[in-house]
Amino acid sequence: MFGKKQKQSVFLEDLSDLEHKFLDVLFSSVPTKYHSDISVNRMSNKCLNFEYKGMQFGRIKLKGKDHWMQLLTGLTEVTSIKGEPDYFIAAIPIWVTYIQKELL
């Protein structure tokens, strides 16, 4: 179809160890009742795209050499940070706050 990108669902066996660790921390930070509304898709640049009920709340790239994380801090504010995976894990509360304030 023209104009629409195909989403590639992520399967646990396709994730790197760093991605597994990140997802474990993310899902332990979000109340269980919201887990089924979160979807994770692999983008063509190998980053993971996260959505809550179809609304994007962030992206992260942990495969390859360059690691980065996208933070949405408001409906129109987007920040990308580069660094080590532990730095991104420490930023997970920003995603959780965004979900609670903007998407629930």
Protein backbone atom coordinates (compact mmCIF):
# COMPACT_ATOMS: atom_id res chain seq x y z
CA MET A 1 0.00 0.00 0.00
CA PHE A 2 1.30 3.45 -0.83
CA GLY A 3 1.49 6.05 1.91
CA LYS A 4 1.49 3.57 4.78
CA LYS A 5 4.50 1.92 6.34
CA GLN A 6 4.29 -1.71 7.30
CA LYS A 7 4.83 -2.29 10.99
CA GLN A 8 7.02 -5.21 11.90
CA SER A 9 5.98 -6.70 15.22
CA VAL A 10 8.77 -7.55 17.61
CA PHE A 11 9.14 -11.08 18.90
CA LEU A 12 11.15 -11.85 22.03
CA GLU A 13 13.62 -14.02 20.13
CA ASP A 14 14.42 -11.06 17.83
CA LEU A 15 15.54 -8.82 20.70
CA SER A 16 19.11 -8.22 21.79
CA ASP A 17 20.12 -8.66 25.43
CA LEU A 18 20.09 -4.88 25.89
CA GLU A 19 16.60 -4.65 24.41
CA HIS A 20 15.38 -7.44 26.71
CA LYS A 21 16.78 -5.62 29.73
CA PHE A 22 15.20 -2.34 28.67
CA LEU A 23 11.79 -3.95 28.09
CA ASP A 24 11.93 -5.74 31.46
CA VAL A 25 12.51 -2.44 33.25
CA LEU A 26 9.92 -0.58 31.17
CA PHE A 27 7.16 -3.12 31.76
CA SER A 28 7.97 -3.37 35.46
CA SER A 29 7.56 0.43 35.63
CA VAL A 30 4.11 0.47 33.99
CA PRO A 31 1.05 -0.85 35.84
CA THR A 32 0.11 -4.33 34.59
CA LYS A 33 -3.36 -3.23 33.48
CA TYR A 34 -1.74 -1.10 30.70
CA HIS A 35 0.63 -3.79 29.35
CA SER A 36 -1.80 -5.11 26.73
CA ASP A 37 -2.21 -1.58 25.31
CA ILE A 38 1.53 -1.16 24.64
CA SER A 39 2.88 -2.30 21.29
CA VAL A 40 6.50 -2.51 20.19
CA ASN A 41 7.54 -2.50 16.54
CA ARG A 42 10.93 -2.70 14.87
CA MET A 43 11.62 0.18 12.47
CA SER A 44 13.77 -0.14 9.34
CA ASN A 45 16.68 1.58 11.13
CA LYS A 46 16.62 -1.18 13.79
CA CYS A 47 15.12 1.03 16.49
CA LEU A 48 12.12 -0.04 18.54
CA ASN A 49 9.01 2.12 18.29
CA PHE A 50 6.69 2.12 21.31
CA GLU A 51 2.99 2.94 21.17
CA TYR A 52 0.23 3.07 23.75
CA LYS A 53 -3.19 2.46 22.14
CA GLY A 54 -1.72 3.43 18.77
CA MET A 55 -0.14 6.66 20.03
CA GLN A 56 3.65 6.81 19.93
CA PHE A 57 5.39 7.52 23.22
CA GLY A 58 9.02 6.89 22.30
CA ARG A 59 11.70 5.10 20.34
CA ILE A 60 14.99 3.52 21.29
CA LYS A 61 17.89 2.08 19.33
CA LEU A 62 20.03 -0.44 21.17
CA LYS A 63 21.25 -2.53 18.21
CA GLY A 64 24.49 -1.61 16.48
CA LYS A 65 27.08 0.94 17.53
CA ASP A 66 25.00 4.09 17.97
CA HIS A 67 22.52 3.97 20.83
CA TRP A 68 19.85 6.62 21.28
CA MET A 69 16.47 7.20 22.85
CA GLN A 70 13.63 9.49 21.81
CA LEU A 71 11.76 11.23 24.61
CA LEU A 72 8.38 12.85 24.12
CA THR A 73 7.86 15.38 26.88
CA GLY A 74 4.68 16.97 25.55
CA LEU A 75 2.34 16.66 22.61
CA THR A 76 4.78 18.55 20.39
CA GLU A 77 8.09 18.34 22.26
CA VAL A 78 10.56 15.64 21.20
CA THR A 79 14.12 15.17 22.43
CA SER A 80 16.67 12.59 21.33
CA ILE A 81 19.49 11.57 23.62
CA LYS A 82 22.57 9.49 22.91
CA GLY A 83 24.51 7.50 25.45
CA GLU A 84 24.91 4.21 27.22
CA PRO A 85 21.99 1.80 27.76
CA ASP A 86 21.98 2.34 31.54
CA TYR A 87 21.37 6.03 30.90
CA PHE A 88 18.26 5.13 28.89
CA ILE A 89 16.99 2.82 31.61
CA ALA A 90 17.24 5.72 34.03
CA ALA A 91 15.08 7.77 31.60
CA ILE A 92 12.20 5.26 31.54
CA PRO A 93 10.26 7.29 34.15
CA ILE A 94 10.04 10.09 31.56
CA TRP A 95 8.18 7.71 29.22
CA VAL A 96 5.92 6.53 32.05
CA THR A 97 5.11 10.14 33.01
CA TYR A 98 4.33 10.95 29.37
CA ILE A 99 1.93 8.00 29.12
CA GLN A 100 0.19 9.03 32.35
CA LYS A 101 -0.10 12.74 31.50
CA GLU A 102 -0.66 12.71 27.74
CA LEU A 103 -2.12 9.34 26.74
CA LEU A 104 -4.34 8.11 29.58
